């Protein structure tokens, strides 16, 4: 074997070994990234639950005092076949007021959350037929948001609550007219 052919063989073997080692490291990195993604997702869910729990008392006061709601349920879920609906807070009252309020709590409001809330409101009576005769209203409560998103919430006829001095307060203009769903 001549010297050049021998050097090429040695270089090919070295490159092949390096390629295998690199491939193994990529596989390990991919595995670590997937695990990190799971952990971040879990942390996001925990932060959302923390936000909901932290501000539930102030939302309960808003629903009770402002809207005369007598029944308030956290983390309400319903299933029909393979379809389900999850609602952060459902408040309702019977009698002459006969209304229900759907509240979605967001630590960081995104445009998609407004669409999700509207979707929940549209499906509510299907999943909760015991409330089919009630006037239905929606509310989004958020810790962080942009003014544009707040306006979009209001433009869709949803009540808006924001954090102020560690409690949620309704933040709606005097001329606000809520949409009845």
Protein backbone atom coordinates (compact mmCIF):
# COMPACT_ATOMS: atom_id res chain seq x y z
CA UNK A 1 0.00 0.00 0.00
CA UNK A 2 1.48 3.30 -0.93
CA UNK A 3 1.82 6.11 1.58
CA UNK A 4 -1.04 8.25 0.18
CA UNK A 5 -3.50 5.36 0.20
CA UNK A 6 -2.46 4.47 3.75
CA UNK A 7 -2.91 8.10 4.92
CA UNK A 8 -6.34 8.24 3.21
CA UNK A 9 -7.37 5.03 5.03
CA UNK A 10 -6.19 6.40 8.37
CA UNK A 11 -7.96 9.73 7.73
CA UNK A 12 -11.18 7.98 6.69
CA UNK A 13 -11.10 5.79 9.83
CA UNK A 14 -10.50 8.83 12.03
CA UNK A 15 -13.29 10.80 10.34
CA UNK A 16 -15.67 7.83 10.65
CA UNK A 17 -14.95 7.52 14.38
CA UNK A 18 -15.41 11.28 14.84
CA UNK A 19 -18.69 11.11 12.92
CA UNK A 20 -19.97 8.30 15.18
CA UNK A 21 -18.95 10.22 18.31
CA UNK A 22 -20.65 13.37 17.02
CA UNK A 23 -23.81 11.44 16.17
CA UNK A 24 -23.86 9.99 19.70
CA UNK A 25 -23.46 13.48 21.20
CA UNK A 26 -26.30 14.81 19.02
CA UNK A 27 -28.55 11.99 20.24
CA UNK A 28 -27.67 12.80 23.86
CA UNK A 29 -28.29 16.51 23.28
CA UNK A 30 -31.62 15.77 21.60
CA UNK A 31 -32.66 13.66 24.59
CA UNK A 32 -31.65 16.45 27.00
CA UNK A 33 -33.56 19.06 24.97
CA UNK A 34 -36.70 16.93 25.01
CA UNK A 35 -36.44 16.53 28.78
CA UNK A 36 -35.85 20.25 29.21
CA UNK A 37 -38.95 20.94 27.08
CA UNK A 38 -41.03 18.72 29.36
CA UNK A 39 -39.68 20.50 32.44
CA UNK A 40 -40.38 23.95 30.99
CA UNK A 41 -43.90 22.88 30.02
CA UNK A 42 -44.50 21.61 33.54
CA UNK A 43 -43.15 24.83 35.00
CA UNK A 44 -45.50 26.84 32.78
CA UNK A 45 -48.47 24.77 33.96
CA UNK A 46 -47.43 25.23 37.59
CA UNK A 47 -47.09 28.99 37.11
CA UNK A 48 -50.56 29.10 35.54
CA UNK A 49 -52.02 27.15 38.46
CA UNK A 50 -50.16 29.42 40.88
CA UNK A 51 -51.60 32.53 39.18
CA UNK A 52 -55.11 31.07 39.26
CA UNK A 53 -54.85 30.17 42.93
CA UNK A 54 -53.25 33.43 43.96
CA UNK A 55 -55.90 35.64 42.41
CA UNK A 56 -58.97 33.48 42.88
CA UNK A 57 -60.01 35.33 46.08
CA UNK A 58 -60.10 38.72 44.35
CA UNK A 59 -62.00 37.30 41.37
CA UNK A 60 -64.45 35.71 43.78
CA UNK A 61 -65.06 39.16 45.30
CA UNK A 62 -65.61 40.71 41.86
CA UNK A 63 -68.10 38.02 40.90
CA UNK A 64 -69.92 38.15 44.25
CA UNK A 65 -70.00 41.90 44.79
CA UNK A 66 -70.30 43.31 41.27
CA UNK A 67 -72.40 40.61 39.62
CA UNK A 68 -74.19 39.05 42.65
CA UNK A 69 -72.90 35.58 41.76
CA UNK A 70 -73.76 33.03 44.47
CA UNK A 71 -71.97 29.90 43.18
CA UNK A 72 -68.32 29.92 42.16
CA UNK A 73 -66.39 26.88 40.92
CA UNK A 74 -62.66 26.71 40.16
CA UNK A 75 -61.15 24.48 37.50
CA UNK A 76 -64.40 23.22 36.07
CA UNK A 77 -64.24 20.51 33.43
CA UNK A 78 -66.86 18.67 31.40
CA UNK A 79 -66.62 15.86 28.85
CA UNK A 80 -68.84 14.82 25.99
CA UNK A 81 -67.45 11.77 24.25
CA UNK A 82 -63.84 12.53 23.38
CA UNK A 83 -64.34 16.30 23.63
CA UNK A 84 -63.73 18.24 26.78
CA UNK A 85 -63.84 21.79 28.05
CA UNK A 86 -61.78 23.29 30.88
CA UNK A 87 -62.70 26.57 32.54
CA UNK A 88 -60.62 28.39 35.16
CA UNK A 89 -63.61 29.86 37.02
CA UNK A 90 -67.36 29.45 36.52
CA UNK A 91 -69.64 31.70 38.53
CA UNK A 92 -73.41 31.60 38.35
CA UNK A 93 -76.54 32.73 40.07
CA UNK A 94 -80.12 31.62 39.73
CA UNK A 95 -83.33 33.51 40.47
CA UNK A 96 -84.05 36.90 38.96
CA UNK A 97 -80.41 37.49 37.90
CA UNK A 98 -80.05 34.02 36.30
CA UNK A 99 -76.56 34.59 34.87
CA UNK A 100 -73.32 32.69 34.41
CA UNK A 101 -69.80 34.07 34.11
CA UNK A 102 -66.85 32.29 32.54
CA UNK A 103 -63.47 33.60 33.74
CA UNK A 104 -60.18 32.66 32.15
CA UNK A 105 -57.07 33.64 34.14
CA UNK A 106 -53.83 34.26 32.22
CA UNK A 107 -50.43 35.11 33.62
CA UNK A 108 -49.43 36.54 30.21
CA UNK A 109 -52.27 37.35 27.82
CA UNK A 110 -51.81 36.35 24.19
CA UNK A 111 -54.21 36.89 21.29
CA UNK A 112 -54.89 33.15 21.09
CA UNK A 113 -56.27 33.24 24.66
CA UNK A 114 -59.04 35.59 23.55
CA UNK A 115 -60.06 33.16 20.80
CA UNK A 116 -59.90 30.25 23.24
CA UNK A 117 -62.15 32.10 25.69
CA UNK A 118 -64.68 32.91 22.96
CA UNK A 119 -64.61 29.26 21.91
CA UNK A 120 -65.32 28.17 25.49
CA UNK A 121 -68.25 30.60 25.67
CA UNK A 122 -69.69 29.25 22.42
CA UNK A 123 -69.49 25.64 23.66
CA UNK A 124 -70.50 26.31 27.28
CA UNK A 125 -74.20 25.48 27.01
CA UNK A 126 -73.47 22.23 25.18
CA UNK A 127 -71.12 21.06 27.93
CA UNK A 128 -73.13 22.54 30.81
CA UNK A 129 -76.79 22.16 29.76
CA UNK A 130 -77.95 22.93 33.30
CA UNK A 131 -77.06 26.56 32.54
CA UNK A 132 -78.67 26.72 29.09
CA UNK A 133 -81.27 29.32 30.13
CA UNK A 134 -78.81 31.68 31.84
CA UNK A 135 -77.45 34.92 30.46
CA UNK A 136 -73.81 34.11 29.76
CA UNK A 137 -70.87 36.51 30.04
CA UNK A 138 -67.11 36.13 29.69
CA UNK A 139 -64.14 37.64 31.47
CA UNK A 140 -60.39 37.47 31.01
CA UNK A 141 -58.15 38.26 33.97
CA UNK A 142 -54.49 38.83 33.17
CA UNK A 143 -51.32 39.76 35.00
CA UNK A 144 -49.38 40.99 31.96
CA UNK A 145 -50.87 42.21 28.69
CA UNK A 146 -50.57 44.86 26.04
CA UNK A 147 -53.06 47.68 25.69
CA UNK A 148 -53.88 46.36 22.22
CA UNK A 149 -54.85 42.97 23.63
CA UNK A 150 -56.87 44.57 26.41
CA UNK A 151 -58.78 46.54 23.77
CA UNK A 152 -59.33 43.36 21.76
CA UNK A 153 -60.79 41.67 24.86
CA UNK A 154 -63.20 44.59 25.35
CA UNK A 155 -64.03 44.80 21.62
CA UNK A 156 -65.15 41.16 21.83
CA UNK A 157 -67.54 42.05 24.65
CA UNK A 158 -65.55 40.31 27.37
CA UNK A 159 -64.98 41.84 30.77
CA UNK A 160 -61.34 42.51 31.54
CA UNK A 161 -59.67 42.31 34.94
CA UNK A 162 -56.07 43.17 35.66
CA UNK A 163 -53.79 42.96 38.64
CA UNK A 164 -53.60 46.02 40.86
CA UNK A 165 -52.06 46.07 44.35
CA UNK A 166 -51.91 42.25 44.43
CA UNK A 167 -55.60 41.80 43.54
CA UNK A 168 -57.56 41.71 40.33
CA UNK A 169 -59.75 44.71 39.60
CA UNK A 170 -62.19 45.11 36.75
CA UNK A 171 -60.70 47.40 34.14
CA UNK A 172 -63.50 48.42 31.79
CA UNK A 173 -64.49 51.82 30.45
CA UNK A 174 -67.71 53.43 31.71
CA UNK A 175 -69.38 52.93 28.34
CA UNK A 176 -68.46 49.22 28.12
CA UNK A 177 -71.37 46.98 27.12
CA UNK A 178 -70.67 43.29 27.70
CA UNK A 179 -71.60 40.76 25.07
CA UNK A 180 -74.20 38.26 26.14
CA UNK A 181 -73.42 34.82 24.71
